[in-house]
Amino acid sequence: MDIKEINNEILNDTDITTLENNTLDEDTIESTCLHKLVICFTGFDAEELSEYEYKIVLMGGRYSPHLTNEVTHLISRHTTSDKYKVAVQLNIPIIREDWIKECYNRRFEKGFNGKRIAPKYLLPPFVDVQICVTGISGGIK
């Protein structure tokens, strides 16, 4: 599947779970540390996604099951998914899941903002990738 097809397939779908009119609902929101952030995932099973969606909403963020142009952060475990490739092209930060866990653990801290700590959780570019080099003589490797 080429990237253009991926872009059309992923970016045209705007099904996003939102808070009505982006207002804070005291019965649903515990924190605003993810306020104005739209978070998408790749590489997670349905049960994990359900738990993360719940936590994101509790922290004032929005969950998107699809990578759209509204997504501000992609949470990924690996670098081989279609969503990962498109996020790289769109300069969407690709973050490890530990970020959501830290945000959730710190959600009640006064002044805590999840976006500020996101850069320290960037997913390294070659996670779970094996690189094989051939055709190079022993002295050059």
C-alpha atoms as a PDB file:
ATOM      1  CA  MET A   1       0.000   0.000   0.000  1.00  0.00           C
ATOM      2  CA  ASP A   2       1.612   3.298  -0.973  1.00  0.00           C
ATOM      3  CA  ILE A   3       1.581   6.376   1.232  1.00  0.00           C
ATOM      4  CA  LYS A   4      -0.897   8.249  -0.972  1.00  0.00           C
ATOM      5  CA  GLU A   5      -3.438   5.451  -0.516  1.00  0.00           C
ATOM      6  CA  ILE A   6      -2.663   5.417   3.180  1.00  0.00           C
ATOM      7  CA  ASN A   7      -3.190   9.179   3.385  1.00  0.00           C
ATOM      8  CA  ASN A   8      -6.556   8.972   1.663  1.00  0.00           C
ATOM      9  CA  GLU A   9      -7.690   6.020   3.757  1.00  0.00           C
ATOM     10  CA  ILE A  10      -6.552   7.365   7.102  1.00  0.00           C
ATOM     11  CA  LEU A  11      -6.892  11.123   6.781  1.00  0.00           C
ATOM     12  CA  ASN A  12     -10.374  11.276   5.263  1.00  0.00           C
ATOM     13  CA  ASP A  13     -12.015   9.599   8.249  1.00  0.00           C
ATOM     14  CA  THR A  14     -12.912  12.128  10.952  1.00  0.00           C
ATOM     15  CA  ASP A  15     -14.626   9.878  13.487  1.00  0.00           C
ATOM     16  CA  ILE A  16     -13.337  11.351  16.743  1.00  0.00           C
ATOM     17  CA  THR A  17     -14.643  10.935  20.258  1.00  0.00           C
ATOM     18  CA  THR A  18     -15.141  14.461  21.572  1.00  0.00           C
ATOM     19  CA  LEU A  19     -16.482  16.349  24.500  1.00  0.00           C
ATOM     20  CA  GLU A  20     -19.562  18.271  23.396  1.00  0.00           C
ATOM     21  CA  ASN A  21     -18.489  21.778  22.354  1.00  0.00           C
ATOM     22  CA  ASN A  22     -15.072  21.031  23.907  1.00  0.00           C
ATOM     23  CA  THR A  23     -16.391  22.004  27.346  1.00  0.00           C
ATOM     24  CA  LEU A  24     -15.271  20.397  30.558  1.00  0.00           C
ATOM     25  CA  ASP A  25     -17.827  18.105  32.150  1.00  0.00           C
ATOM     26  CA  GLU A  26     -17.187  17.707  35.871  1.00  0.00           C
ATOM     27  CA  ASP A  27     -18.740  14.226  35.831  1.00  0.00           C
ATOM     28  CA  THR A  28     -16.374  13.074  33.086  1.00  0.00           C
ATOM     29  CA  ILE A  29     -13.200  15.131  33.589  1.00  0.00           C
ATOM     30  CA  GLU A  30     -10.744  14.780  36.471  1.00  0.00           C
ATOM     31  CA  SER A  31      -7.983  16.918  34.987  1.00  0.00           C
ATOM     32  CA  THR A  32      -7.220  19.215  32.078  1.00  0.00           C
ATOM     33  CA  CYS A  33      -3.620  18.067  31.571  1.00  0.00           C
ATOM     34  CA  LEU A  34      -4.448  16.802  28.054  1.00  0.00           C
ATOM     35  CA  HIS A  35      -6.860  19.614  27.158  1.00  0.00           C
ATOM     36  CA  LYS A  36      -6.845  20.424  23.410  1.00  0.00           C
ATOM     37  CA  LEU A  37      -4.847  17.272  22.596  1.00  0.00           C
ATOM     38  CA  VAL A  38      -6.196  14.658  20.165  1.00  0.00           C
ATOM     39  CA  ILE A  39      -4.510  11.299  20.624  1.00  0.00           C
ATOM     40  CA  CYS A  40      -4.442   8.314  18.286  1.00  0.00           C
ATOM     41  CA  PHE A  41      -2.890   4.867  18.826  1.00  0.00           C
ATOM     42  CA  THR A  42      -1.259   2.205  16.694  1.00  0.00           C
ATOM     43  CA  GLY A  43      -0.187  -1.298  17.717  1.00  0.00           C
ATOM     44  CA  PHE A  44      -2.610  -1.780  20.642  1.00  0.00           C
ATOM     45  CA  ASP A  45      -5.438  -4.281  21.152  1.00  0.00           C
ATOM     46  CA  ALA A  46      -9.074  -3.277  21.725  1.00  0.00           C
ATOM     47  CA  GLU A  47      -8.972  -3.776  25.495  1.00  0.00           C
ATOM     48  CA  GLU A  48      -5.914  -1.545  25.869  1.00  0.00           C
ATOM     49  CA  LEU A  49      -7.435   1.106  23.619  1.00  0.00           C
ATOM     50  CA  SER A  50     -10.614   1.149  25.670  1.00  0.00           C
ATOM     51  CA  GLU A  51      -8.640   1.738  28.868  1.00  0.00           C
ATOM     52  CA  TYR A  52      -6.498   4.471  27.290  1.00  0.00           C
ATOM     53  CA  GLU A  53      -9.536   6.193  25.757  1.00  0.00           C
ATOM     54  CA  TYR A  54     -11.167   6.330  29.192  1.00  0.00           C
ATOM     55  CA  LYS A  55      -8.025   7.823  30.757  1.00  0.00           C
ATOM     56  CA  ILE A  56      -7.561  10.373  27.977  1.00  0.00           C
ATOM     57  CA  VAL A  57     -11.122  11.650  28.393  1.00  0.00           C
ATOM     58  CA  LEU A  58     -10.647  11.818  32.174  1.00  0.00           C
ATOM     59  CA  MET A  59      -7.653  14.070  31.543  1.00  0.00           C
ATOM     60  CA  GLY A  60      -9.566  16.414  29.225  1.00  0.00           C
ATOM     61  CA  GLY A  61      -8.150  15.086  25.958  1.00  0.00           C
ATOM     62  CA  ARG A  62      -9.793  13.504  22.949  1.00  0.00           C
ATOM     63  CA  TYR A  63      -9.243  10.040  21.518  1.00  0.00           C
ATOM     64  CA  SER A  64      -9.309   9.396  17.789  1.00  0.00           C
ATOM     65  CA  PRO A  65      -9.427   5.817  16.476  1.00  0.00           C
ATOM     66  CA  HIS A  66      -8.165   7.128  13.122  1.00  0.00           C
ATOM     67  CA  LEU A  67      -5.155   9.225  12.207  1.00  0.00           C
ATOM     68  CA  THR A  68      -6.739  12.441  10.951  1.00  0.00           C
ATOM     69  CA  ASN A  69      -5.384  15.928  10.435  1.00  0.00           C
ATOM     70  CA  GLU A  70      -6.768  16.832  13.894  1.00  0.00           C
ATOM     71  CA  VAL A  71      -4.514  14.351  15.715  1.00  0.00           C
ATOM     72  CA  THR A  72      -1.833  16.054  17.809  1.00  0.00           C
ATOM     73  CA  HIS A  73      -0.003  12.923  19.071  1.00  0.00           C
ATOM     74  CA  LEU A  74       0.317   9.311  17.916  1.00  0.00           C
ATOM     75  CA  ILE A  75       1.043   6.711  20.597  1.00  0.00           C
ATOM     76  CA  SER A  76       2.934   3.773  19.109  1.00  0.00           C
ATOM     77  CA  ARG A  77       4.855   0.688  20.184  1.00  0.00           C
ATOM     78  CA  HIS A  78       6.710   0.238  16.901  1.00  0.00           C
ATOM     79  CA  THR A  79       7.773   2.024  13.747  1.00  0.00           C
ATOM     80  CA  THR A  80       6.307  -0.274  11.113  1.00  0.00           C
ATOM     81  CA  SER A  81       2.599   0.638  10.995  1.00  0.00           C
ATOM     82  CA  ASP A  82       0.869   2.667   8.289  1.00  0.00           C
ATOM     83  CA  LYS A  83      -0.213   5.239  10.878  1.00  0.00           C
ATOM     84  CA  TYR A  84       3.400   5.656  11.996  1.00  0.00           C
ATOM     85  CA  LYS A  85       4.553   6.320   8.419  1.00  0.00           C
ATOM     86  CA  VAL A  86       1.841   8.922   7.811  1.00  0.00           C
ATOM     87  CA  ALA A  87       2.476  10.606  11.182  1.00  0.00           C
ATOM     88  CA  VAL A  88       6.152  10.992  10.237  1.00  0.00           C
ATOM     89  CA  GLN A  89       5.152  12.675   6.956  1.00  0.00           C
ATOM     90  CA  LEU A  90       2.757  15.012   8.793  1.00  0.00           C
ATOM     91  CA  ASN A  91       5.240  15.826  11.587  1.00  0.00           C
ATOM     92  CA  ILE A  92       2.875  14.485  14.238  1.00  0.00           C
ATOM     93  CA  PRO A  93       4.844  13.609  17.387  1.00  0.00           C
ATOM     94  CA  ILE A  94       5.078   9.841  17.869  1.00  0.00           C
ATOM     95  CA  ILE A  95       5.151   9.029  21.553  1.00  0.00           C
ATOM     96  CA  ARG A  96       5.666   5.938  23.727  1.00  0.00           C
ATOM     97  CA  GLU A  97       2.714   4.776  25.836  1.00  0.00           C
ATOM     98  CA  ASP A  98       4.654   5.602  29.021  1.00  0.00           C
ATOM     99  CA  TRP A  99       3.673   9.222  28.354  1.00  0.00           C
ATOM    100  CA  ILE A 100      -0.029   8.504  28.927  1.00  0.00           C
ATOM    101  CA  LYS A 101       0.829   6.527  32.053  1.00  0.00           C
ATOM    102  CA  GLU A 102       2.864   9.412  33.502  1.00  0.00           C
ATOM    103  CA  CYS A 103       0.165  11.924  32.620  1.00  0.00           C
ATOM    104  CA  TYR A 104      -2.444   9.769  34.329  1.00  0.00           C
ATOM    105  CA  ASN A 105      -0.298   9.363  37.450  1.00  0.00           C
ATOM    106  CA  ARG A 106       0.339  13.121  37.630  1.00  0.00           C
ATOM    107  CA  ARG A 107      -3.110  14.336  36.534  1.00  0.00           C
ATOM    108  CA  PHE A 108      -3.926  15.930  39.902  1.00  0.00           C
ATOM    109  CA  GLU A 109      -0.679  17.910  40.176  1.00  0.00           C
ATOM    110  CA  LYS A 110      -1.342  21.636  40.112  1.00  0.00           C
ATOM    111  CA  GLY A 111      -0.195  23.132  36.816  1.00  0.00           C
ATOM    112  CA  PHE A 112       0.744  19.801  35.251  1.00  0.00           C
ATOM    113  CA  ASN A 113       0.532  19.833  31.449  1.00  0.00           C
ATOM    114  CA  GLY A 114       1.012  16.599  29.523  1.00  0.00           C
ATOM    115  CA  LYS A 115       2.071  18.348  26.324  1.00  0.00           C
ATOM    116  CA  ARG A 116       5.124  19.834  28.067  1.00  0.00           C
ATOM    117  CA  ILE A 117       6.573  16.428  28.960  1.00  0.00           C
ATOM    118  CA  ALA A 118       5.719  14.679  25.664  1.00  0.00           C
ATOM    119  CA  PRO A 119       9.109  15.336  24.003  1.00  0.00           C
ATOM    120  CA  LYS A 120      10.917  13.185  26.560  1.00  0.00           C
ATOM    121  CA  TYR A 121       8.704  10.246  25.479  1.00  0.00           C
ATOM    122  CA  LEU A 122       9.346  10.406  21.721  1.00  0.00           C
ATOM    123  CA  LEU A 123       9.546   6.957  20.154  1.00  0.00           C
ATOM    124  CA  PRO A 124      13.059   6.284  18.809  1.00  0.00           C
ATOM    125  CA  PRO A 125      13.042   5.752  15.020  1.00  0.00           C
ATOM    126  CA  PHE A 126      14.365   2.171  14.952  1.00  0.00           C
ATOM    127  CA  VAL A 127      12.394   0.523  17.777  1.00  0.00           C
ATOM    128  CA  ASP A 128      11.984  -3.216  17.104  1.00  0.00           C
ATOM    129  CA  VAL A 129      13.728  -2.930  13.728  1.00  0.00           C
ATOM    130  CA  GLN A 130      16.577  -5.255  12.809  1.00  0.00           C
ATOM    131  CA  ILE A 131      19.160  -3.908  10.406  1.00  0.00           C
ATOM    132  CA  CYS A 132      21.308  -6.265   8.362  1.00  0.00           C
ATOM    133  CA  VAL A 133      24.344  -5.058   6.454  1.00  0.00           C
ATOM    134  CA  THR A 134      25.828  -7.239   3.709  1.00  0.00           C
ATOM    135  CA  GLY A 135      28.526  -6.847   1.114  1.00  0.00           C
ATOM    136  CA  ILE A 136      30.941  -4.936   3.353  1.00  0.00           C
ATOM    137  CA  SER A 137      34.356  -6.393   4.038  1.00  0.00           C
ATOM    138  CA  GLY A 138      35.279  -7.210   7.649  1.00  0.00           C
ATOM    139  CA  GLY A 139      37.638  -4.246   8.093  1.00  0.00           C
ATOM    140  CA  ILE A 140      35.074  -1.626   7.027  1.00  0.00           C
ATOM    141  CA  LYS A 141      32.151  -2.661   9.254  1.00  0.00           C
END
